[in-house]
Amino acid sequence: MTNLLARFAKDESGATAIEYGLIAGLLAVAIITVLGTMGGNLNSIFGKIDAGLSSAAQ
């Protein structure tokens, strides 16, 4: 039983998967933050385009 616990304590194969998961999570947070910041700017730009197209159609 102690041999099994010792092997489990030394096993690092799951550490890589956890690291990749943390990196993916950090990237997701960064992308959401950037898109959230740019969202207002994009809304403004599309609003101007919409107003321009509406006035051109009349």
C-alpha atoms as a PDB file:
ATOM      1  CA  MET A   1       0.000   0.000   0.000  1.00  0.00           C
ATOM      2  CA  THR A   2       2.821   2.407   0.810  1.00  0.00           C
ATOM      3  CA  ASN A   3       4.421   1.556  -2.539  1.00  0.00           C
ATOM      4  CA  LEU A   4       1.199   2.601  -4.305  1.00  0.00           C
ATOM      5  CA  LEU A   5       1.044   5.890  -2.394  1.00  0.00           C
ATOM      6  CA  ALA A   6       4.716   6.597  -3.116  1.00  0.00           C
ATOM      7  CA  ARG A   7       4.200   6.027  -6.848  1.00  0.00           C
ATOM      8  CA  PHE A   8       1.109   8.258  -6.793  1.00  0.00           C
ATOM      9  CA  ALA A   9       3.040  11.064  -5.051  1.00  0.00           C
ATOM     10  CA  LYS A  10       5.862  10.889  -7.614  1.00  0.00           C
ATOM     11  CA  ASP A  11       3.554  10.735 -10.661  1.00  0.00           C
ATOM     12  CA  GLU A  12       3.624  14.075 -12.518  1.00  0.00           C
ATOM     13  CA  SER A  13       1.730  13.111 -15.683  1.00  0.00           C
ATOM     14  CA  GLY A  14      -1.390  15.024 -14.615  1.00  0.00           C
ATOM     15  CA  ALA A  15       0.583  18.195 -13.918  1.00  0.00           C
ATOM     16  CA  THR A  16       0.967  18.947 -17.623  1.00  0.00           C
ATOM     17  CA  ALA A  17      -2.774  18.720 -18.217  1.00  0.00           C
ATOM     18  CA  ILE A  18      -3.416  21.073 -15.301  1.00  0.00           C
ATOM     19  CA  GLU A  19      -0.866  23.554 -16.651  1.00  0.00           C
ATOM     20  CA  TYR A  20      -2.474  23.506 -20.087  1.00  0.00           C
ATOM     21  CA  GLY A  21      -5.857  24.036 -18.469  1.00  0.00           C
ATOM     22  CA  LEU A  22      -4.562  27.053 -16.555  1.00  0.00           C
ATOM     23  CA  ILE A  23      -3.021  28.543 -19.706  1.00  0.00           C
ATOM     24  CA  ALA A  24      -6.274  28.046 -21.625  1.00  0.00           C
ATOM     25  CA  GLY A  25      -8.211  29.682 -18.795  1.00  0.00           C
ATOM     26  CA  LEU A  26      -5.887  32.690 -18.714  1.00  0.00           C
ATOM     27  CA  LEU A  27      -6.128  33.074 -22.480  1.00  0.00           C
ATOM     28  CA  ALA A  28      -9.918  32.956 -22.286  1.00  0.00           C
ATOM     29  CA  VAL A  29      -9.947  35.670 -19.609  1.00  0.00           C
ATOM     30  CA  ALA A  30      -7.590  37.831 -21.692  1.00  0.00           C
ATOM     31  CA  ILE A  31      -9.708  37.435 -24.842  1.00  0.00           C
ATOM     32  CA  ILE A  32     -12.926  38.219 -22.977  1.00  0.00           C
ATOM     33  CA  THR A  33     -11.322  41.315 -21.446  1.00  0.00           C
ATOM     34  CA  VAL A  34     -10.043  42.601 -24.795  1.00  0.00           C
ATOM     35  CA  LEU A  35     -13.340  41.942 -26.575  1.00  0.00           C
ATOM     36  CA  GLY A  36     -15.259  43.569 -23.744  1.00  0.00           C
ATOM     37  CA  THR A  37     -13.109  46.666 -24.024  1.00  0.00           C
ATOM     38  CA  MET A  38     -13.429  46.792 -27.798  1.00  0.00           C
ATOM     39  CA  GLY A  39     -17.170  46.068 -27.698  1.00  0.00           C
ATOM     40  CA  GLY A  40     -18.124  49.688 -27.049  1.00  0.00           C
ATOM     41  CA  ASN A  41     -15.929  50.906 -29.893  1.00  0.00           C
ATOM     42  CA  LEU A  42     -17.373  48.353 -32.303  1.00  0.00           C
ATOM     43  CA  ASN A  43     -20.909  49.298 -31.281  1.00  0.00           C
ATOM     44  CA  SER A  44     -20.143  52.930 -32.041  1.00  0.00           C
ATOM     45  CA  ILE A  45     -18.648  52.126 -35.433  1.00  0.00           C
ATOM     46  CA  PHE A  46     -21.588  49.932 -36.471  1.00  0.00           C
ATOM     47  CA  GLY A  47     -23.977  52.621 -35.260  1.00  0.00           C
ATOM     48  CA  LYS A  48     -22.303  55.166 -37.547  1.00  0.00           C
ATOM     49  CA  ILE A  49     -22.450  52.724 -40.459  1.00  0.00           C
ATOM     50  CA  ASP A  50     -26.135  52.062 -39.770  1.00  0.00           C
ATOM     51  CA  ALA A  51     -26.908  55.781 -39.642  1.00  0.00           C
ATOM     52  CA  GLY A  52     -25.004  56.344 -42.889  1.00  0.00           C
ATOM     53  CA  LEU A  53     -26.814  53.557 -44.678  1.00  0.00           C
ATOM     54  CA  SER A  54     -30.178  54.699 -43.365  1.00  0.00           C
ATOM     55  CA  SER A  55     -29.621  58.246 -44.608  1.00  0.00           C
ATOM     56  CA  ALA A  56     -28.335  57.011 -47.977  1.00  0.00           C
ATOM     57  CA  ALA A  57     -31.410  54.811 -48.470  1.00  0.00           C
ATOM     58  CA  GLN A  58     -33.820  57.736 -48.079  1.00  0.00           C
END
